[in-house]
Amino acid sequence: MNDITKTLLSMISDISGEIKGAFNIREDSGCAGRQSTENVDIIPKVGQPGIDIIVKPNTKEKIYIPACVTKSNIDDLVYNDFYVGENADIVIVAGCGVHTDGEEDSQHNGIHRFFISKNARVRYEEKHIGIGEGTGKRIINPQTYIEMAEGSYMEMDTVQIKGVDSTKRDSKAILQANAKLVIKEKIMTHGDQYAETNFLVNLDGEDSGADLISRSVARGTSKQLFRSVINGNTRCTGHSECDAIIMDNGIVSAIPELTANNVDAALIHEAAIGKIAGEQLIKLMTLGLTSEEAEAKIVEGFLK
């Protein structure tokens, strides 16, 4: 792998030096390294770009699948499917970094599907970062599809706070009985960047539950759109929350949709969009911070 890939890996996946366990590192639409283990098989797809990640029942491991784009004029598309066996308990460290060095745009489009078996647990960590001195746009468009069997649990923790010019993030999930899904996203945009998030969750099994939480900051003239749809089709619980800070001339739109198709579906949405409160700034400035330093501290705490 090249030096830019190494830099991106440390930023998006905290990888430095030798990787222990199962991993697949994608670099400029190719494979820069791959390793399976006794309990995790990573198999290249036939006929399309991407891999199948097969996790055996009762496995407890951390799996790395970062993707890096290191130059301009790259249009990367990958299909990754995860098959997680019963009672497995795994952490997946993903993430994507896009570096441009010229006038042409570069993008990474990752289509991930998760098939999570009974009583399995998955934590999915994903950071998106754009860097480089090129004027070409850095574009990342992830798509996620999730099927969760009875009693399974999945937590997605996604972060994008630097350098990505355009992103559209689509996530769809179907939950069976007693399955629980938690999605947390943190986004910061600046300049004329654009970020769009679309959640669609179908709570099909009794006592299933979903918690969708978005925190974002829009600076400059950037725009953000948050759209969440939760369908409660049986006795279930669903919660959607969007908290956003707008600065300068930023724009944020939040569009919630809740549909209760059963008398025992309990669904809640919360949204709050506004500027940094003046009293917060004043309090920090009385402690010796400048106005800019106070703003930075508030934003840092909000996105922590």
Protein backbone atom coordinates (compact mmCIF):
# COMPACT_ATOMS: atom_id res chain seq x y z
CA MET A 1 0.00 0.00 0.00
CA ASN A 2 1.17 3.54 -0.67
CA ASP A 3 1.98 6.23 1.90
CA ILE A 4 -1.32 8.08 1.43
CA THR A 5 -3.21 4.87 2.19
CA LYS A 6 -1.19 4.44 5.37
CA THR A 7 -2.05 8.00 6.43
CA LEU A 8 -5.75 7.49 5.68
CA LEU A 9 -5.83 4.18 7.55
CA SER A 10 -4.52 5.80 10.71
CA MET A 11 -7.24 8.46 10.44
CA ILE A 12 -10.26 6.31 9.61
CA SER A 13 -9.47 3.03 11.35
CA ASP A 14 -6.66 3.76 13.83
CA ILE A 15 -4.49 1.26 11.96
CA SER A 16 -0.71 1.53 12.23
CA GLY A 17 1.70 -1.29 11.66
CA GLU A 18 0.68 -4.95 11.57
CA ILE A 19 -3.02 -5.81 11.73
CA LYS A 20 -4.07 -8.73 13.88
CA GLY A 21 -7.14 -10.72 12.93
CA ALA A 22 -9.27 -10.65 9.80
CA PHE A 23 -8.98 -7.68 7.45
CA ASN A 24 -9.47 -6.43 3.91
CA ILE A 25 -7.90 -3.14 2.83
CA ARG A 26 -9.21 -1.56 -0.35
CA GLU A 27 -6.98 0.91 -2.22
CA ASP A 28 -8.00 2.75 -5.41
CA SER A 29 -10.52 0.05 -6.44
CA GLY A 30 -8.07 -2.78 -5.73
CA CYS A 31 -6.99 -4.92 -2.79
CA ALA A 32 -3.95 -3.77 -0.81
CA GLY A 33 -4.14 -6.61 1.70
CA ARG A 34 -6.44 -9.36 2.92
CA GLN A 35 -6.40 -11.94 5.69
CA SER A 36 -8.93 -14.47 6.95
CA THR A 37 -8.87 -16.24 10.31
CA GLU A 38 -10.09 -19.54 11.68
CA ASN A 39 -13.54 -18.08 12.40
CA VAL A 40 -13.83 -15.31 9.78
CA ASP A 41 -13.58 -16.00 6.06
CA ILE A 42 -13.12 -13.06 3.67
CA ILE A 43 -13.85 -14.19 0.12
CA PRO A 44 -13.59 -12.06 -3.06
CA LYS A 45 -16.81 -11.86 -5.06
CA VAL A 46 -17.01 -13.29 -8.56
CA GLY A 47 -18.37 -11.02 -11.28
CA GLN A 48 -18.53 -7.81 -9.24
CA PRO A 49 -16.17 -5.83 -6.99
CA GLY A 50 -16.33 -6.64 -3.31
CA ILE A 51 -16.09 -9.37 -0.71
CA ASP A 52 -18.19 -11.76 1.36
CA ILE A 53 -17.38 -11.77 5.07
CA ILE A 54 -18.56 -15.00 6.67
CA VAL A 55 -18.48 -15.10 10.48
CA LYS A 56 -18.91 -18.48 12.15
CA PRO A 57 -21.32 -18.93 15.09
CA ASN A 58 -20.02 -17.94 18.56
CA THR A 59 -17.13 -15.93 17.10
CA LYS A 60 -15.69 -13.01 19.07
CA GLU A 61 -13.35 -10.95 16.88
CA LYS A 62 -12.56 -7.51 15.47
CA ILE A 63 -12.65 -7.24 11.68
CA TYR A 64 -11.13 -4.40 9.61
CA ILE A 65 -12.52 -3.46 6.17
CA PRO A 66 -11.38 0.13 5.39
CA ALA A 67 -11.41 1.63 1.89
CA CYS A 68 -9.03 4.32 0.63
CA VAL A 69 -8.97 6.48 -2.49
CA THR A 70 -5.57 8.12 -2.84
CA LYS A 71 -5.77 10.24 -6.00
CA SER A 72 -8.11 12.17 -8.28
CA ASN A 73 -10.26 10.66 -11.03
CA ILE A 74 -11.17 7.47 -9.15
CA ASP A 75 -14.75 6.15 -9.25
CA ASP A 76 -14.81 3.26 -6.80
CA LEU A 77 -17.81 0.97 -6.28
CA VAL A 78 -17.78 -2.02 -3.95
CA TYR A 79 -20.31 -4.59 -2.72
CA ASN A 80 -19.60 -6.12 0.69
CA ASP A 81 -21.89 -8.75 2.28
CA PHE A 82 -21.64 -9.80 5.92
CA TYR A 83 -23.04 -13.11 7.13
CA VAL A 84 -22.89 -13.22 10.93
CA GLY A 85 -23.51 -16.58 12.61
CA GLU A 86 -25.63 -17.25 15.68
CA ASN A 87 -24.35 -15.92 19.02
CA ALA A 88 -21.36 -14.23 17.39
CA ASP A 89 -20.12 -11.00 19.02
CA ILE A 90 -18.01 -8.95 16.60
CA VAL A 91 -16.69 -5.45 15.99
CA ILE A 92 -16.34 -4.26 12.39
CA VAL A 93 -14.03 -1.30 11.82
CA ALA A 94 -14.78 0.13 8.40
CA GLY A 95 -14.29 3.71 7.27
CA CYS A 96 -13.41 5.45 4.05
CA GLY A 97 -10.83 8.11 3.23
CA VAL A 98 -10.70 10.02 -0.06
CA HIS A 99 -7.62 12.02 -1.09
CA THR A 100 -7.59 14.20 -4.22
CA ASP A 101 -4.47 15.68 -5.79
CA GLY A 102 -5.87 17.25 -8.98
CA GLU A 103 -8.90 18.87 -10.58
CA GLU A 104 -10.90 15.67 -11.15
CA ASP A 105 -13.40 14.38 -8.60
CA SER A 106 -12.93 11.08 -6.75
CA GLN A 107 -15.57 9.01 -5.05
CA HIS A 108 -16.16 5.82 -3.12
CA ASN A 109 -19.58 4.16 -3.14
CA GLY A 110 -19.82 1.28 -0.68
CA ILE A 111 -22.89 -1.00 -0.70
CA HIS A 112 -22.92 -3.10 2.48
CA ARG A 113 -25.45 -5.80 3.35
CA PHE A 114 -25.69 -7.41 6.78
CA PHE A 115 -27.43 -10.71 7.50
CA ILE A 116 -27.32 -11.09 11.27
CA SER A 117 -28.34 -14.42 12.75
CA LYS A 118 -30.22 -15.20 15.94
CA ASN A 119 -28.75 -13.64 19.13
CA ALA A 120 -25.68 -12.30 17.31
CA ARG A 121 -24.21 -8.91 18.23
CA VAL A 122 -22.48 -6.50 15.82
CA ARG A 123 -20.82 -3.17 16.45
CA TYR A 124 -20.02 -1.32 13.22
CA GLU A 125 -17.65 1.66 13.35
CA GLU A 126 -17.25 3.92 10.33
CA LYS A 127 -15.36 7.18 9.84
CA HIS A 128 -15.44 9.21 6.62
CA ILE A 129 -12.65 11.71 5.92
CA GLY A 130 -11.53 13.73 2.90
CA ILE A 131 -8.03 15.19 2.53
CA GLY A 132 -5.66 16.48 -0.16
CA GLU A 133 -4.72 19.71 -1.91
CA GLY A 134 -6.56 18.92 -5.14
CA THR A 135 -9.60 20.93 -6.20
CA GLY A 136 -11.54 17.83 -7.26
CA LYS A 137 -14.49 16.95 -5.02
CA ARG A 138 -14.23 14.16 -2.46
CA ILE A 139 -17.44 12.13 -2.58
CA ILE A 140 -18.57 9.23 -0.35
CA ASN A 141 -21.97 7.55 -0.78
CA PRO A 142 -22.54 4.56 1.55
CA GLN A 143 -25.57 2.29 1.31
CA THR A 144 -26.43 -0.13 4.10
CA TYR A 145 -29.02 -2.91 4.15
CA ILE A 146 -29.61 -4.88 7.36
CA GLU A 147 -31.62 -8.01 8.13
CA MET A 148 -31.74 -8.82 11.83
CA ALA A 149 -32.95 -12.18 13.12
CA GLU A 150 -34.62 -12.83 16.46
CA GLY A 151 -32.75 -11.50 19.49
CA SER A 152 -29.92 -9.94 17.49
CA TYR A 153 -28.32 -6.56 18.21
CA MET A 154 -26.51 -4.09 15.96
CA GLU A 155 -24.96 -0.73 16.77
CA MET A 156 -23.66 1.54 14.01
CA ASP A 157 -21.42 4.44 14.99
CA THR A 158 -20.68 6.69 12.01
CA VAL A 159 -18.61 9.89 11.97
CA GLN A 160 -17.91 12.44 9.23
CA ILE A 161 -16.35 15.68 10.38
CA LYS A 162 -13.71 16.62 7.83
CA GLY A 163 -13.21 17.24 4.14
CA VAL A 164 -16.02 15.30 2.43
CA ASP A 165 -17.63 17.54 -0.19
CA SER A 166 -20.71 15.44 -0.89
CA THR A 167 -22.29 12.44 0.77
CA LYS A 168 -25.57 10.57 0.55
CA ARG A 169 -26.02 7.98 3.28
CA ASP A 170 -28.85 5.46 2.85
CA SER A 171 -29.64 2.85 5.52
CA LYS A 172 -32.48 0.31 5.47
CA ALA A 173 -33.23 -2.32 8.10
CA ILE A 174 -35.74 -5.10 8.82
CA LEU A 175 -35.98 -6.33 12.41
CA GLN A 176 -37.49 -9.57 13.71
CA ALA A 177 -38.66 -10.35 17.26
CA ASN A 178 -36.57 -8.84 20.09
CA ALA A 179 -33.97 -7.48 17.68
CA LYS A 180 -32.46 -4.09 18.55
CA LEU A 181 -30.85 -1.56 16.22
CA VAL A 182 -28.97 1.56 17.33
CA ILE A 183 -27.56 4.01 14.76
CA LYS A 184 -25.55 7.05 15.83
CA GLU A 185 -24.19 9.53 13.31
CA LYS A 186 -22.10 12.68 13.73
CA ILE A 187 -21.61 15.01 10.77
CA MET A 188 -19.95 18.37 10.28
CA THR A 189 -20.05 20.22 6.96
CA HIS A 190 -18.46 23.51 5.90
CA GLY A 191 -17.97 25.61 2.78
CA ASP A 192 -20.50 24.52 0.16
CA GLN A 193 -20.53 20.86 1.19
CA TYR A 194 -23.69 18.72 1.14
CA ALA A 195 -24.70 15.82 3.38
CA GLU A 196 -27.87 13.75 3.13
CA THR A 197 -28.99 10.98 5.48
CA ASN A 198 -31.90 8.60 4.82
CA PHE A 199 -33.02 6.01 7.38
CA LEU A 200 -35.77 3.44 6.75
CA VAL A 201 -36.54 0.89 9.46
CA ASN A 202 -39.29 -1.74 9.45
CA LEU A 203 -40.03 -3.14 12.91
CA ASP A 204 -41.65 -6.43 11.93
CA GLY A 205 -41.04 -8.59 15.01
CA GLU A 206 -42.66 -8.27 18.41
CA ASP A 207 -40.62 -6.30 20.94
CA SER A 208 -38.13 -5.18 18.33
CA GLY A 209 -36.69 -1.70 18.73
CA ALA A 210 -34.76 0.98 16.87
CA ASP A 211 -32.94 4.10 18.07
CA LEU A 212 -31.76 6.51 15.34
CA ILE A 213 -29.67 9.46 16.57
CA SER A 214 -28.11 12.19 14.43
CA ARG A 215 -25.96 15.10 15.63
CA SER A 216 -24.65 17.57 13.11
CA VAL A 217 -23.08 20.98 12.57
CA ALA A 218 -23.55 22.95 9.34
CA ARG A 219 -21.07 25.79 8.75
CA GLY A 220 -20.41 28.20 5.88
CA THR A 221 -23.03 27.77 3.17
CA SER A 222 -23.23 23.98 3.55
CA LYS A 223 -26.52 22.09 3.46
CA GLN A 224 -27.73 19.01 5.28
CA LEU A 225 -30.84 16.87 4.95
CA PHE A 226 -31.91 14.32 7.58
CA ARG A 227 -34.81 12.03 6.71
CA SER A 228 -35.96 9.14 8.93
CA VAL A 229 -38.81 6.68 8.40
CA ILE A 230 -39.80 4.16 11.08
CA ASN A 231 -42.63 1.71 10.46
CA GLY A 232 -43.95 -0.03 13.56
CA ASN A 233 -45.74 -3.12 12.28
CA THR A 234 -46.28 -4.89 15.59
CA ARG A 235 -45.64 -4.35 19.31
CA CYS A 236 -42.34 -2.45 19.18
CA THR A 237 -40.46 0.72 20.10
CA GLY A 238 -38.91 3.27 17.76
CA HIS A 239 -37.07 6.52 18.45
CA SER A 240 -35.63 9.03 16.00
CA GLU A 241 -33.65 12.11 17.07
CA CYS A 242 -32.01 14.90 15.07
CA ASP A 243 -30.04 17.64 16.86
CA ALA A 244 -28.26 20.20 14.70
CA ILE A 245 -26.29 23.42 15.11
CA ILE A 246 -26.31 25.91 12.25
CA MET A 247 -23.48 28.45 11.93
CA ASP A 248 -22.78 31.21 9.38
CA ASN A 249 -25.25 30.55 6.54
CA GLY A 250 -25.63 26.80 7.01
CA ILE A 251 -28.93 25.04 6.26
CA VAL A 252 -30.34 21.92 7.96
CA SER A 253 -33.63 20.17 7.15
CA ALA A 254 -35.08 17.37 9.31
CA ILE A 255 -37.94 15.27 7.93
CA PRO A 256 -39.27 12.59 10.29
CA GLU A 257 -41.91 10.03 9.39
CA LEU A 258 -43.45 7.62 11.89
CA THR A 259 -46.11 5.06 10.97
CA ALA A 260 -47.77 2.89 13.63
CA ASN A 261 -49.46 -0.07 11.96
CA ASN A 262 -50.22 -1.67 15.32
CA VAL A 263 -51.90 -0.35 18.46
CA ASP A 264 -48.87 -1.42 20.52
CA ALA A 265 -46.26 0.34 18.40
CA ALA A 266 -44.64 3.12 20.46
CA LEU A 267 -42.82 5.58 18.21
CA ILE A 268 -41.17 8.91 19.08
CA HIS A 269 -39.34 11.58 17.09
CA GLU A 270 -37.34 14.53 18.44
CA ALA A 271 -35.71 17.34 16.46
CA ALA A 272 -33.87 20.50 17.49
CA ILE A 273 -32.13 22.86 15.06
CA GLY A 274 -30.63 26.21 16.04
CA LYS A 275 -27.58 28.34 16.60
CA ILE A 276 -25.16 28.19 19.52
CA ALA A 277 -26.78 29.77 22.55
CA GLY A 278 -25.32 33.17 23.45
CA GLU A 279 -25.11 32.35 27.14
CA GLN A 280 -22.90 29.37 26.34
CA LEU A 281 -20.46 31.59 24.47
CA ILE A 282 -20.47 34.23 27.21
CA LYS A 283 -19.81 31.65 29.93
CA LEU A 284 -16.75 30.26 28.15
CA MET A 285 -15.46 33.72 27.23
CA THR A 286 -15.56 34.75 30.91
CA LEU A 287 -13.11 31.88 31.47
CA GLY A 288 -10.62 33.49 29.10
CA LEU A 289 -11.49 31.94 25.73
CA THR A 290 -11.89 34.02 22.60
CA SER A 291 -15.19 33.90 20.72
CA GLU A 292 -13.66 31.51 18.14
CA GLU A 293 -12.18 29.27 20.82
CA ALA A 294 -15.50 29.17 22.67
CA GLU A 295 -17.37 28.19 19.48
CA ALA A 296 -14.84 25.43 18.79
CA LYS A 297 -15.21 24.04 22.32
CA ILE A 298 -19.01 23.99 22.09
CA VAL A 299 -18.95 22.24 18.71
CA GLU A 300 -16.36 19.73 19.95
CA GLY A 301 -18.51 18.88 22.97
CA PHE A 302 -21.68 18.65 20.87
CA LEU A 303 -20.13 16.14 18.47
CA LYS A 304 -18.27 14.14 21.12
